[in-house]
PDB file of N, CA and C in Angstrom:
ATOM      1  N   MET A   1       0.845  -1.175   0.000  1.00  0.00           N
ATOM      2  CA  MET A   1       0.000   0.000   0.000  1.00  0.00           C
ATOM      3  C   MET A   1       0.893   1.242   0.000  1.00  0.00           C
ATOM      4  N   ARG A   2       0.435   2.280  -0.641  1.00  0.00           N
ATOM      5  CA  ARG A   2       1.181   3.529  -0.692  1.00  0.00           C
ATOM      6  C   ARG A   2       0.239   4.704  -0.540  1.00  0.00           C
ATOM      7  N   GLN A   3       0.792   5.758   0.047  1.00  0.00           N
ATOM      8  CA  GLN A   3       0.027   6.982   0.287  1.00  0.00           C
ATOM      9  C   GLN A   3       0.803   8.143  -0.300  1.00  0.00           C
ATOM     10  N   ALA A   4       0.126   8.952  -1.096  1.00  0.00           N
ATOM     11  CA  ALA A   4       0.768  10.120  -1.698  1.00  0.00           C
ATOM     12  C   ALA A   4       0.848  11.260  -0.688  1.00  0.00           C
ATOM     13  N   ILE A   5       1.961  11.988  -0.744  1.00  0.00           N
ATOM     14  CA  ILE A   5       2.163  13.195   0.056  1.00  0.00           C
ATOM     15  C   ILE A   5       2.214  14.375  -0.918  1.00  0.00           C
ATOM     16  N   PHE A   6       1.497  15.436  -0.577  1.00  0.00           N
ATOM     17  CA  PHE A   6       1.532  16.642  -1.404  1.00  0.00           C
ATOM     18  C   PHE A   6       1.471  17.866  -0.508  1.00  0.00           C
ATOM     19  N   THR A   7       2.256  18.867  -0.846  1.00  0.00           N
ATOM     20  CA  THR A   7       2.172  20.167  -0.197  1.00  0.00           C
ATOM     21  C   THR A   7       2.219  21.257  -1.257  1.00  0.00           C
ATOM     22  N   LYS A   8       1.396  22.248  -1.094  1.00  0.00           N
ATOM     23  CA  LYS A   8       1.380  23.383  -2.024  1.00  0.00           C
ATOM     24  C   LYS A   8       2.572  24.300  -1.801  1.00  0.00           C
ATOM     25  N   ASP A   9       3.326  24.064  -0.729  1.00  0.00           N
ATOM     26  CA  ASP A   9       4.452  24.928  -0.372  1.00  0.00           C
ATOM     27  C   ASP A   9       5.777  24.510  -1.005  1.00  0.00           C
ATOM     28  N   ALA A  10       5.745  23.500  -1.872  1.00  0.00           N
ATOM     29  CA  ALA A  10       6.943  23.061  -2.595  1.00  0.00           C
ATOM     30  C   ALA A  10       6.619  23.008  -4.084  1.00  0.00           C
ATOM     31  N   SER A  11       7.628  22.726  -4.878  1.00  0.00           N
ATOM     32  CA  SER A  11       7.436  22.626  -6.320  1.00  0.00           C
ATOM     33  C   SER A  11       6.294  21.663  -6.651  1.00  0.00           C
ATOM     34  N   PRO A  12       5.357  22.099  -7.482  1.00  0.00           N
ATOM     35  CA  PRO A  12       4.226  21.235  -7.815  1.00  0.00           C
ATOM     36  C   PRO A  12       4.584  20.100  -8.769  1.00  0.00           C
ATOM     37  N   GLY A  13       5.735  20.195  -9.435  1.00  0.00           N
ATOM     38  CA  GLY A  13       6.097  19.184 -10.427  1.00  0.00           C
ATOM     39  C   GLY A  13       5.320  19.400 -11.711  1.00  0.00           C
ATOM     40  N   ASP A  14       5.737  18.709 -12.745  1.00  0.00           N
ATOM     41  CA  ASP A  14       5.056  18.883 -14.028  1.00  0.00           C
ATOM     42  C   ASP A  14       4.893  17.570 -14.773  1.00  0.00           C
ATOM     43  N   GLY A  15       4.864  16.477 -14.034  1.00  0.00           N
ATOM     44  CA  GLY A  15       4.732  15.178 -14.685  1.00  0.00           C
ATOM     45  C   GLY A  15       3.778  14.281 -13.919  1.00  0.00           C
ATOM     46  N   PRO A  16       3.606  13.067 -14.417  1.00  0.00           N
ATOM     47  CA  PRO A  16       2.686  12.119 -13.782  1.00  0.00           C
ATOM     48  C   PRO A  16       3.354  11.387 -12.611  1.00  0.00           C
ATOM     49  N   TYR A  17       3.602  12.119 -11.525  1.00  0.00           N
ATOM     50  CA  TYR A  17       4.218  11.530 -10.338  1.00  0.00           C
ATOM     51  C   TYR A  17       3.770  12.299  -9.104  1.00  0.00           C
ATOM     52  N   SER A  18       3.971  11.693  -7.957  1.00  0.00           N
ATOM     53  CA  SER A  18       3.654  12.327  -6.678  1.00  0.00           C
ATOM     54  C   SER A  18       4.893  13.041  -6.156  1.00  0.00           C
ATOM     55  N   GLN A  19       4.701  14.085  -5.363  1.00  0.00           N
ATOM     56  CA  GLN A  19       5.852  14.720  -4.713  1.00  0.00           C
ATOM     57  C   GLN A  19       6.583  13.699  -3.851  1.00  0.00           C
ATOM     58  N   ALA A  20       5.808  12.863  -3.168  1.00  0.00           N
ATOM     59  CA  ALA A  20       6.394  11.809  -2.339  1.00  0.00           C
ATOM     60  C   ALA A  20       5.365  10.707  -2.131  1.00  0.00           C
ATOM     61  N   ILE A  21       5.877   9.542  -1.778  1.00  0.00           N
ATOM     62  CA  ILE A  21       5.041   8.379  -1.480  1.00  0.00           C
ATOM     63  C   ILE A  21       5.505   7.771  -0.160  1.00  0.00           C
ATOM     64  N   VAL A  22       4.545   7.457   0.703  1.00  0.00           N
ATOM     65  CA  VAL A  22       4.819   6.709   1.928  1.00  0.00           C
ATOM     66  C   VAL A  22       4.481   5.251   1.651  1.00  0.00           C
ATOM     67  N   SER A  23       5.435   4.367   1.990  1.00  0.00           N
ATOM     68  CA  SER A  23       5.204   2.935   1.838  1.00  0.00           C
ATOM     69  C   SER A  23       6.138   2.165   2.758  1.00  0.00           C
ATOM     70  N   LYS A  24       5.560   1.232   3.504  1.00  0.00           N
ATOM     71  CA  LYS A  24       6.317   0.278   4.331  1.00  0.00           C
ATOM     72  C   LYS A  24       7.372   0.948   5.214  1.00  0.00           C
ATOM     73  N   GLY A  25       7.001   2.035   5.860  1.00  0.00           N
ATOM     74  CA  GLY A  25       7.878   2.681   6.822  1.00  0.00           C
ATOM     75  C   GLY A  25       8.880   3.665   6.240  1.00  0.00           C
ATOM     76  N   PHE A  26       8.764   3.934   4.939  1.00  0.00           N
ATOM     77  CA  PHE A  26       9.689   4.864   4.295  1.00  0.00           C
ATOM     78  C   PHE A  26       8.923   5.926   3.526  1.00  0.00           C
ATOM     79  N   LEU A  27       9.581   7.067   3.348  1.00  0.00           N
ATOM     80  CA  LEU A  27       9.073   8.147   2.517  1.00  0.00           C
ATOM     81  C   LEU A  27      10.010   8.285   1.335  1.00  0.00           C
ATOM     82  N   PHE A  28       9.478   8.190   0.141  1.00  0.00           N
ATOM     83  CA  PHE A  28      10.242   8.302  -1.094  1.00  0.00           C
ATOM     84  C   PHE A  28       9.884   9.641  -1.743  1.00  0.00           C
ATOM     85  N   VAL A  29      10.829  10.577  -1.716  1.00  0.00           N
ATOM     86  CA  VAL A  29      10.583  11.909  -2.276  1.00  0.00           C
ATOM     87  C   VAL A  29      11.074  11.926  -3.723  1.00  0.00           C
ATOM     88  N   SER A  30      10.195  12.292  -4.633  1.00  0.00           N
ATOM     89  CA  SER A  30      10.550  12.383  -6.050  1.00  0.00           C
ATOM     90  C   SER A  30      11.627  13.424  -6.269  1.00  0.00           C
ATOM     91  N   GLY A  31      12.303  13.320  -7.409  1.00  0.00           N
ATOM     92  CA  GLY A  31      13.339  14.280  -7.764  1.00  0.00           C
ATOM     93  C   GLY A  31      12.816  15.703  -7.702  1.00  0.00           C
ATOM     94  N   GLN A  32      13.532  16.525  -6.944  1.00  0.00           N
ATOM     95  CA  GLN A  32      13.174  17.933  -6.796  1.00  0.00           C
ATOM     96  C   GLN A  32      14.257  18.787  -7.428  1.00  0.00           C
ATOM     97  N   GLY A  33      13.842  19.916  -7.959  1.00  0.00           N
ATOM     98  CA  GLY A  33      14.776  20.864  -8.546  1.00  0.00           C
ATOM     99  C   GLY A  33      14.523  22.242  -7.973  1.00  0.00           C
ATOM    100  N   PRO A  34      15.195  23.241  -8.515  1.00  0.00           N
ATOM    101  CA  PRO A  34      15.069  24.612  -8.030  1.00  0.00           C
ATOM    102  C   PRO A  34      13.830  25.301  -8.593  1.00  0.00           C
ATOM    103  N   ILE A  35      12.693  24.713  -8.309  1.00  0.00           N
ATOM    104  CA  ILE A  35      11.434  25.216  -8.843  1.00  0.00           C
ATOM    105  C   ILE A  35      10.578  25.671  -7.670  1.00  0.00           C
ATOM    106  N   ASN A  36      10.155  26.926  -7.701  1.00  0.00           N
ATOM    107  CA  ASN A  36       9.383  27.477  -6.593  1.00  0.00           C
ATOM    108  C   ASN A  36       7.953  26.934  -6.612  1.00  0.00           C
ATOM    109  N   PRO A  37       7.172  27.185  -5.553  1.00  0.00           N
ATOM    110  CA  PRO A  37       5.803  26.657  -5.505  1.00  0.00           C
ATOM    111  C   PRO A  37       4.899  27.132  -6.641  1.00  0.00           C
ATOM    112  N   GLN A  38       5.275  28.224  -7.301  1.00  0.00           N
ATOM    113  CA  GLN A  38       4.489  28.696  -8.444  1.00  0.00           C
ATOM    114  C   GLN A  38       4.889  27.996  -9.744  1.00  0.00           C
ATOM    115  N   GLY A  39       5.904  27.136  -9.679  1.00  0.00           N
ATOM    116  CA  GLY A  39       6.299  26.361 -10.843  1.00  0.00           C
ATOM    117  C   GLY A  39       7.409  26.963 -11.682  1.00  0.00           C
ATOM    118  N   TYR A  40       8.143  27.940 -11.145  1.00  0.00           N
ATOM    119  CA  TYR A  40       9.192  28.611 -11.915  1.00  0.00           C
ATOM    120  C   TYR A  40      10.583  28.269 -11.399  1.00  0.00           C
ATOM    121  N   VAL A  41      11.505  28.035 -12.323  1.00  0.00           N
ATOM    122  CA  VAL A  41      12.905  27.827 -11.963  1.00  0.00           C
ATOM    123  C   VAL A  41      13.427  29.117 -11.350  1.00  0.00           C
ATOM    124  N   THR A  42      14.100  28.988 -10.211  1.00  0.00           N
ATOM    125  CA  THR A  42      14.599  30.147  -9.483  1.00  0.00           C
ATOM    126  C   THR A  42      16.067  29.936  -9.132  1.00  0.00           C
ATOM    127  N   GLY A  43      16.863  30.967  -9.306  1.00  0.00           N
ATOM    128  CA  GLY A  43      18.274  30.913  -8.950  1.00  0.00           C
ATOM    129  C   GLY A  43      19.162  30.773 -10.166  1.00  0.00           C
ATOM    130  N   GLU A  44      20.275  31.472 -10.130  1.00  0.00           N
ATOM    131  CA  GLU A  44      21.235  31.438 -11.237  1.00  0.00           C
ATOM    132  C   GLU A  44      22.430  30.538 -10.931  1.00  0.00           C
ATOM    133  N   THR A  45      22.849  30.516  -9.656  1.00  0.00           N
ATOM    134  CA  THR A  45      24.066  29.792  -9.282  1.00  0.00           C
ATOM    135  C   THR A  45      23.728  28.419  -8.727  1.00  0.00           C
ATOM    136  N   ILE A  46      24.725  27.557  -8.656  1.00  0.00           N
ATOM    137  CA  ILE A  46      24.514  26.235  -8.058  1.00  0.00           C
ATOM    138  C   ILE A  46      24.105  26.380  -6.598  1.00  0.00           C
ATOM    139  N   GLU A  47      24.662  27.360  -5.905  1.00  0.00           N
ATOM    140  CA  GLU A  47      24.308  27.549  -4.496  1.00  0.00           C
ATOM    141  C   GLU A  47      22.832  27.923  -4.340  1.00  0.00           C
ATOM    142  N   GLU A  48      22.358  28.870  -5.138  1.00  0.00           N
ATOM    143  CA  GLU A  48      20.958  29.292  -5.064  1.00  0.00           C
ATOM    144  C   GLU A  48      20.029  28.140  -5.436  1.00  0.00           C
ATOM    145  N   GLN A  49      20.361  27.437  -6.509  1.00  0.00           N
ATOM    146  CA  GLN A  49      19.504  26.339  -6.948  1.00  0.00           C
ATOM    147  C   GLN A  49      19.535  25.168  -5.972  1.00  0.00           C
ATOM    148  N   ALA A  50      20.685  24.888  -5.389  1.00  0.00           N
ATOM    149  CA  ALA A  50      20.779  23.794  -4.407  1.00  0.00           C
ATOM    150  C   ALA A  50      19.932  24.121  -3.178  1.00  0.00           C
ATOM    151  N   ARG A  51      19.993  25.360  -2.708  1.00  0.00           N
ATOM    152  CA  ARG A  51      19.218  25.743  -1.522  1.00  0.00           C
ATOM    153  C   ARG A  51      17.712  25.600  -1.779  1.00  0.00           C
ATOM    154  N   LEU A  52      17.232  26.083  -2.911  1.00  0.00           N
ATOM    155  CA  LEU A  52      15.800  25.969  -3.196  1.00  0.00           C
ATOM    156  C   LEU A  52      15.401  24.502  -3.340  1.00  0.00           C
ATOM    157  N   THR A  53      16.234  23.719  -3.988  1.00  0.00           N
ATOM    158  CA  THR A  53      15.950  22.292  -4.147  1.00  0.00           C
ATOM    159  C   THR A  53      15.864  21.614  -2.788  1.00  0.00           C
ATOM    160  N   LEU A  54      16.838  21.870  -1.933  1.00  0.00           N
ATOM    161  CA  LEU A  54      16.831  21.272  -0.598  1.00  0.00           C
ATOM    162  C   LEU A  54      15.696  21.822   0.255  1.00  0.00           C
ATOM    163  N   ASP A  55      15.350  23.102   0.092  1.00  0.00           N
ATOM    164  CA  ASP A  55      14.196  23.657   0.803  1.00  0.00           C
ATOM    165  C   ASP A  55      12.905  22.966   0.376  1.00  0.00           C
ATOM    166  N   ASN A  56      12.768  22.665  -0.914  1.00  0.00           N
ATOM    167  CA  ASN A  56      11.600  21.906  -1.381  1.00  0.00           C
ATOM    168  C   ASN A  56      11.540  20.550  -0.696  1.00  0.00           C
ATOM    169  N   ILE A  57      12.678  19.895  -0.572  1.00  0.00           N
ATOM    170  CA  ILE A  57      12.720  18.581   0.089  1.00  0.00           C
ATOM    171  C   ILE A  57      12.338  18.706   1.552  1.00  0.00           C
ATOM    172  N   VAL A  58      12.880  19.705   2.242  1.00  0.00           N
ATOM    173  CA  VAL A  58      12.523  19.937   3.653  1.00  0.00           C
ATOM    174  C   VAL A  58      11.015  20.103   3.792  1.00  0.00           C
ATOM    175  N   THR A  59      10.413  20.881   2.914  1.00  0.00           N
ATOM    176  CA  THR A  59       8.974  21.152   2.974  1.00  0.00           C
ATOM    177  C   THR A  59       8.157  19.880   2.761  1.00  0.00           C
ATOM    178  N   ILE A  60       8.573  19.065   1.802  1.00  0.00           N
ATOM    179  CA  ILE A  60       7.860  17.807   1.542  1.00  0.00           C
ATOM    180  C   ILE A  60       8.032  16.849   2.717  1.00  0.00           C
ATOM    181  N   LEU A  61       9.244  16.773   3.263  1.00  0.00           N
ATOM    182  CA  LEU A  61       9.467  15.938   4.450  1.00  0.00           C
ATOM    183  C   LEU A  61       8.559  16.379   5.590  1.00  0.00           C
ATOM    184  N   GLN A  62       8.455  17.676   5.818  1.00  0.00           N
ATOM    185  CA  GLN A  62       7.607  18.193   6.894  1.00  0.00           C
ATOM    186  C   GLN A  62       6.141  17.825   6.677  1.00  0.00           C
ATOM    187  N   ALA A  63       5.701  17.813   5.425  1.00  0.00           N
ATOM    188  CA  ALA A  63       4.312  17.433   5.125  1.00  0.00           C
ATOM    189  C   ALA A  63       4.038  15.982   5.516  1.00  0.00           C
ATOM    190  N   ALA A  64       5.095  15.182   5.605  1.00  0.00           N
ATOM    191  CA  ALA A  64       4.972  13.776   6.010  1.00  0.00           C
ATOM    192  C   ALA A  64       5.430  13.575   7.454  1.00  0.00           C
ATOM    193  N   HIS A  65       5.576  14.672   8.207  1.00  0.00           N
ATOM    194  CA  HIS A  65       5.998  14.634   9.613  1.00  0.00           C
ATOM    195  C   HIS A  65       7.401  14.061   9.778  1.00  0.00           C
ATOM    196  N   CYS A  66       8.268  14.389   8.829  1.00  0.00           N
ATOM    197  CA  CYS A  66       9.672  13.970   8.857  1.00  0.00           C
ATOM    198  C   CYS A  66      10.556  15.215   8.825  1.00  0.00           C
ATOM    199  N   SER A  67      11.853  14.988   8.988  1.00  0.00           N
ATOM    200  CA  SER A  67      12.839  16.060   8.873  1.00  0.00           C
ATOM    201  C   SER A  67      14.051  15.510   8.125  1.00  0.00           C
ATOM    202  N   MET A  68      15.027  16.368   7.903  1.00  0.00           N
ATOM    203  CA  MET A  68      16.252  15.921   7.241  1.00  0.00           C
ATOM    204  C   MET A  68      16.974  14.857   8.069  1.00  0.00           C
ATOM    205  N   ASP A  69      16.742  14.830   9.383  1.00  0.00           N
ATOM    206  CA  ASP A  69      17.346  13.804  10.233  1.00  0.00           C
ATOM    207  C   ASP A  69      16.817  12.406   9.922  1.00  0.00           C
ATOM    208  N   HIS A  70      15.678  12.318   9.249  1.00  0.00           N
ATOM    209  CA  HIS A  70      15.100  11.021   8.889  1.00  0.00           C
ATOM    210  C   HIS A  70      15.610  10.491   7.547  1.00  0.00           C
ATOM    211  N   VAL A  71      16.325  11.330   6.801  1.00  0.00           N
ATOM    212  CA  VAL A  71      16.793  10.939   5.463  1.00  0.00           C
ATOM    213  C   VAL A  71      17.919   9.925   5.599  1.00  0.00           C
ATOM    214  N   VAL A  72      17.768   8.805   4.879  1.00  0.00           N
ATOM    215  CA  VAL A  72      18.781   7.738   4.915  1.00  0.00           C
ATOM    216  C   VAL A  72      19.535   7.603   3.598  1.00  0.00           C
ATOM    217  N   LYS A  73      18.963   8.112   2.497  1.00  0.00           N
ATOM    218  CA  LYS A  73      19.599   7.971   1.178  1.00  0.00           C
ATOM    219  C   LYS A  73      19.280   9.201   0.341  1.00  0.00           C
ATOM    220  N   VAL A  74      20.295   9.710  -0.347  1.00  0.00           N
ATOM    221  CA  VAL A  74      20.151  10.881  -1.210  1.00  0.00           C
ATOM    222  C   VAL A  74      20.759  10.558  -2.565  1.00  0.00           C
ATOM    223  N   ASN A  75      20.066  10.929  -3.624  1.00  0.00           N
ATOM    224  CA  ASN A  75      20.603  10.865  -4.986  1.00  0.00           C
ATOM    225  C   ASN A  75      20.652  12.291  -5.524  1.00  0.00           C
ATOM    226  N   VAL A  76      21.822  12.678  -6.026  1.00  0.00           N
ATOM    227  CA  VAL A  76      22.028  14.025  -6.549  1.00  0.00           C
ATOM    228  C   VAL A  76      22.472  13.924  -8.003  1.00  0.00           C
ATOM    229  N   ILE A  77      21.843  14.721  -8.848  1.00  0.00           N
ATOM    230  CA  ILE A  77      22.285  14.855 -10.233  1.00  0.00           C
ATOM    231  C   ILE A  77      22.716  16.304 -10.420  1.00  0.00           C
ATOM    232  N   LEU A  78      23.940  16.497 -10.869  1.00  0.00           N
ATOM    233  CA  LEU A  78      24.449  17.828 -11.179  1.00  0.00           C
ATOM    234  C   LEU A  78      24.588  17.957 -12.693  1.00  0.00           C
ATOM    235  N   SER A  79      24.197  19.083 -13.239  1.00  0.00           N
ATOM    236  CA  SER A  79      24.336  19.283 -14.683  1.00  0.00           C
ATOM    237  C   SER A  79      25.795  19.430 -15.082  1.00  0.00           C
ATOM    238  N   ASP A  80      26.628  19.814 -14.121  1.00  0.00           N
ATOM    239  CA  ASP A  80      28.052  20.039 -14.374  1.00  0.00           C
ATOM    240  C   ASP A  80      28.822  19.617 -13.125  1.00  0.00           C
ATOM    241  N   MET A  81      29.632  18.579 -13.243  1.00  0.00           N
ATOM    242  CA  MET A  81      30.348  18.059 -12.079  1.00  0.00           C
ATOM    243  C   MET A  81      31.375  19.043 -11.532  1.00  0.00           C
ATOM    244  N   SER A  82      31.689  20.093 -12.257  1.00  0.00           N
ATOM    245  CA  SER A  82      32.585  21.114 -11.713  1.00  0.00           C
ATOM    246  C   SER A  82      31.920  21.879 -10.564  1.00  0.00           C
ATOM    247  N   HIS A  83      30.597  21.728 -10.401  1.00  0.00           N
ATOM    248  CA  HIS A  83      29.865  22.349  -9.294  1.00  0.00           C
ATOM    249  C   HIS A  83      29.909  21.513  -8.018  1.00  0.00           C
ATOM    250  N   PHE A  84      30.542  20.352  -8.063  1.00  0.00           N
ATOM    251  CA  PHE A  84      30.504  19.397  -6.953  1.00  0.00           C
ATOM    252  C   PHE A  84      30.917  20.024  -5.622  1.00  0.00           C
ATOM    253  N   GLY A  85      32.045  20.696  -5.560  1.00  0.00           N
ATOM    254  CA  GLY A  85      32.533  21.287  -4.318  1.00  0.00           C
ATOM    255  C   GLY A  85      31.609  22.360  -3.783  1.00  0.00           C
ATOM    256  N   ARG A  86      31.158  23.233  -4.653  1.00  0.00           N
ATOM    257  CA  ARG A  86      30.242  24.306  -4.244  1.00  0.00           C
ATOM    258  C   ARG A  86      28.901  23.739  -3.785  1.00  0.00           C
ATOM    259  N   PHE A  87      28.433  22.699  -4.478  1.00  0.00           N
ATOM    260  CA  PHE A  87      27.195  22.039  -4.059  1.00  0.00           C
ATOM    261  C   PHE A  87      27.362  21.451  -2.658  1.00  0.00           C
ATOM    262  N   ASN A  88      28.480  20.784  -2.419  1.00  0.00           N
ATOM    263  CA  ASN A  88      28.711  20.154  -1.117  1.00  0.00           C
ATOM    264  C   ASN A  88      28.676  21.161   0.033  1.00  0.00           C
ATOM    265  N   GLU A  89      29.169  22.374  -0.206  1.00  0.00           N
ATOM    266  CA  GLU A  89      29.139  23.388   0.849  1.00  0.00           C
ATOM    267  C   GLU A  89      27.704  23.699   1.263  1.00  0.00           C
ATOM    268  N   VAL A  90      26.798  23.790   0.301  1.00  0.00           N
ATOM    269  CA  VAL A  90      25.385  24.024   0.607  1.00  0.00           C
ATOM    270  C   VAL A  90      24.785  22.779   1.246  1.00  0.00           C
ATOM    271  N   TYR A  91      25.059  21.633   0.691  1.00  0.00           N
ATOM    272  CA  TYR A  91      24.519  20.359   1.179  1.00  0.00           C
ATOM    273  C   TYR A  91      24.804  20.186   2.672  1.00  0.00           C
ATOM    274  N   LYS A  92      26.006  20.519   3.092  1.00  0.00           N
ATOM    275  CA  LYS A  92      26.399  20.357   4.496  1.00  0.00           C
ATOM    276  C   LYS A  92      25.607  21.259   5.439  1.00  0.00           C
ATOM    277  N   GLU A  93      24.975  22.297   4.919  1.00  0.00           N
ATOM    278  CA  GLU A  93      24.125  23.163   5.738  1.00  0.00           C
ATOM    279  C   GLU A  93      22.813  22.476   6.126  1.00  0.00           C
ATOM    280  N   TYR A  94      22.437  21.431   5.404  1.00  0.00           N
ATOM    281  CA  TYR A  94      21.136  20.794   5.585  1.00  0.00           C
ATOM    282  C   TYR A  94      21.184  19.478   6.345  1.00  0.00           C
ATOM    283  N   PHE A  95      22.356  18.887   6.500  1.00  0.00           N
ATOM    284  CA  PHE A  95      22.478  17.584   7.154  1.00  0.00           C
ATOM    285  C   PHE A  95      23.502  17.631   8.271  1.00  0.00           C
ATOM    286  N   GLU A  96      23.279  16.797   9.272  1.00  0.00           N
ATOM    287  CA  GLU A  96      24.226  16.632  10.366  1.00  0.00           C
ATOM    288  C   GLU A  96      24.700  15.181  10.378  1.00  0.00           C
ATOM    289  N   ALA A  97      25.837  14.948  11.013  1.00  0.00           N
ATOM    290  CA  ALA A  97      26.373  13.596  11.131  1.00  0.00           C
ATOM    291  C   ALA A  97      25.436  12.752  11.996  1.00  0.00           C
ATOM    292  N   PRO A  98      25.274  11.491  11.665  1.00  0.00           N
ATOM    293  CA  PRO A  98      25.880  10.844  10.503  1.00  0.00           C
ATOM    294  C   PRO A  98      25.141  11.235   9.221  1.00  0.00           C
ATOM    295  N   MET A  99      25.921  11.555   8.218  1.00  0.00           N
ATOM    296  CA  MET A  99      25.350  11.953   6.931  1.00  0.00           C
ATOM    297  C   MET A  99      24.641  10.754   6.289  1.00  0.00           C
ATOM    298  N   PRO A 100      23.565  11.018   5.521  1.00  0.00           N
ATOM    299  CA  PRO A 100      22.900   9.921   4.819  1.00  0.00           C
ATOM    300  C   PRO A 100      23.813   9.329   3.737  1.00  0.00           C
ATOM    301  N   ALA A 101      23.521   8.113   3.360  1.00  0.00           N
ATOM    302  CA  ALA A 101      24.189   7.526   2.192  1.00  0.00           C
ATOM    303  C   ALA A 101      23.842   8.400   0.995  1.00  0.00           C
ATOM    304  N   ARG A 102      24.772   8.502   0.032  1.00  0.00           N
ATOM    305  CA  ARG A 102      24.521   9.415  -1.080  1.00  0.00           C
ATOM    306  C   ARG A 102      25.207   8.940  -2.351  1.00  0.00           C
ATOM    307  N   THR A 103      24.551   9.201  -3.464  1.00  0.00           N
ATOM    308  CA  THR A 103      25.121   9.037  -4.793  1.00  0.00           C
ATOM    309  C   THR A 103      25.039  10.397  -5.474  1.00  0.00           C
ATOM    310  N   CYS A 104      26.112  10.785  -6.158  1.00  0.00           N
ATOM    311  CA  CYS A 104      26.116  12.048  -6.889  1.00  0.00           C
ATOM    312  C   CYS A 104      26.733  11.793  -8.256  1.00  0.00           C
ATOM    313  N   PHE A 105      26.041  12.202  -9.303  1.00  0.00           N
ATOM    314  CA  PHE A 105      26.562  11.994 -10.643  1.00  0.00           C
ATOM    315  C   PHE A 105      26.134  13.132 -11.554  1.00  0.00           C
ATOM    316  N   GLY A 106      26.791  13.237 -12.681  1.00  0.00           N
ATOM    317  CA  GLY A 106      26.469  14.247 -13.672  1.00  0.00           C
ATOM    318  C   GLY A 106      25.443  13.720 -14.651  1.00  0.00           C
ATOM    319  N   GLY A 107      24.577  14.596 -15.091  1.00  0.00           N
ATOM    320  CA  GLY A 107      23.569  14.200 -16.061  1.00  0.00           C
ATOM    321  C   GLY A 107      22.961  15.417 -16.723  1.00  0.00           C
ATOM    322  N   GLU A 108      22.338  15.192 -17.825  1.00  0.00           N
ATOM    323  CA  GLU A 108      21.677  16.281 -18.544  1.00  0.00           C
ATOM    324  C   GLU A 108      20.367  16.608 -17.854  1.00  0.00           C
ATOM    325  N   LEU A 109      20.218  17.845 -17.445  1.00  0.00           N
ATOM    326  CA  LEU A 109      19.007  18.312 -16.790  1.00  0.00           C
ATOM    327  C   LEU A 109      18.365  19.372 -17.680  1.00  0.00           C
ATOM    328  N   ASP A 110      17.073  19.471 -17.604  1.00  0.00           N
ATOM    329  CA  ASP A 110      16.312  20.354 -18.484  1.00  0.00           C
ATOM    330  C   ASP A 110      16.369  21.805 -18.008  1.00  0.00           C
ATOM    331  N   GLY A 111      17.520  22.465 -18.201  1.00  0.00           N
ATOM    332  CA  GLY A 111      17.642  23.881 -17.882  1.00  0.00           C
ATOM    333  C   GLY A 111      17.876  24.197 -16.415  1.00  0.00           C
ATOM    334  N   ILE A 112      18.137  23.180 -15.589  1.00  0.00           N
ATOM    335  CA  ILE A 112      18.447  23.414 -14.183  1.00  0.00           C
ATOM    336  C   ILE A 112      19.830  22.848 -13.883  1.00  0.00           C
ATOM    337  N   LEU A 113      20.398  23.245 -12.747  1.00  0.00           N
ATOM    338  CA  LEU A 113      21.754  22.832 -12.394  1.00  0.00           C
ATOM    339  C   LEU A 113      21.795  21.623 -11.476  1.00  0.00           C
ATOM    340  N   VAL A 114      20.673  21.321 -10.784  1.00  0.00           N
ATOM    341  CA  VAL A 114      20.671  20.237  -9.801  1.00  0.00           C
ATOM    342  C   VAL A 114      19.278  19.624  -9.661  1.00  0.00           C
ATOM    343  N   GLU A 115      19.261  18.322  -9.415  1.00  0.00           N
ATOM    344  CA  GLU A 115      18.035  17.607  -9.053  1.00  0.00           C
ATOM    345  C   GLU A 115      18.399  16.631  -7.948  1.00  0.00           C
ATOM    346  N   ILE A 116      17.523  16.515  -6.958  1.00  0.00           N
ATOM    347  CA  ILE A 116      17.800  15.665  -5.804  1.00  0.00           C
ATOM    348  C   ILE A 116      16.540  14.885  -5.445  1.00  0.00           C
ATOM    349  N   ASP A 117      16.708  13.588  -5.155  1.00  0.00           N
ATOM    350  CA  ASP A 117      15.631  12.812  -4.548  1.00  0.00           C
ATOM    351  C   ASP A 117      16.158  12.167  -3.278  1.00  0.00           C
ATOM    352  N   VAL A 118      15.265  11.884  -2.348  1.00  0.00           N
ATOM    353  CA  VAL A 118      15.682  11.293  -1.077  1.00  0.00           C
ATOM    354  C   VAL A 118      14.733  10.183  -0.656  1.00  0.00           C
ATOM    355  N   ILE A 119      15.248   9.329   0.230  1.00  0.00           N
ATOM    356  CA  ILE A 119      14.453   8.327   0.921  1.00  0.00           C
ATOM    357  C   ILE A 119      14.640   8.596   2.410  1.00  0.00           C
ATOM    358  N   ALA A 120      13.519   8.662   3.131  1.00  0.00           N
ATOM    359  CA  ALA A 120      13.557   8.899   4.574  1.00  0.00           C
ATOM    360  C   ALA A 120      12.852   7.774   5.293  1.00  0.00           C
ATOM    361  N   ALA A 121      13.369   7.403   6.453  1.00  0.00           N
ATOM    362  CA  ALA A 121      12.687   6.453   7.327  1.00  0.00           C
ATOM    363  C   ALA A 121      11.661   7.236   8.139  1.00  0.00           C
ATOM    364  N   LEU A 122      10.430   6.763   8.168  1.00  0.00           N
ATOM    365  CA  LEU A 122       9.395   7.464   8.916  1.00  0.00           C
ATOM    366  C   LEU A 122       9.703   7.405  10.395  1.00  0.00           C
ATOM    367  N   PRO A 123       9.325   8.454  11.149  1.00  0.00           N
ATOM    368  CA  PRO A 123       9.542   8.421  12.597  1.00  0.00           C
ATOM    369  C   PRO A 123       8.789   7.260  13.229  1.00  0.00           C
ATOM    370  N   GLU A 124       9.375   6.716  14.251  1.00  0.00           N
ATOM    371  CA  GLU A 124       8.713   5.579  14.939  1.00  0.00           C
ATOM    372  C   GLU A 124       7.735   6.053  15.953  1.00  0.00           C
TER     373      GLU A 124
END
């Protein structure tokens, strides 16, 4: 069984998917980008786009009564791997040790610099 999570305070998305799904004790947050709640890409730099992307994730986690402390796995796609160091500086503002498991790779993104999805363990 799965339950969809939606909040109007994060990117609405533009495809046939849920912002997040709760299933079997986990929250699966769909790929988020630097898109504001009105549906517009915001930010010019990797730092600005990373912050908005991570803020969208925080908002979706909160809608499911979770926080960044519940995140166990993160997948990051960067449009340009030369942004890796600068992205990491922002990323470290959102997580505390122990850091979640993470994969980061380069990929073609549709006009944005970063996309992130996460898996969180629901609070007990």
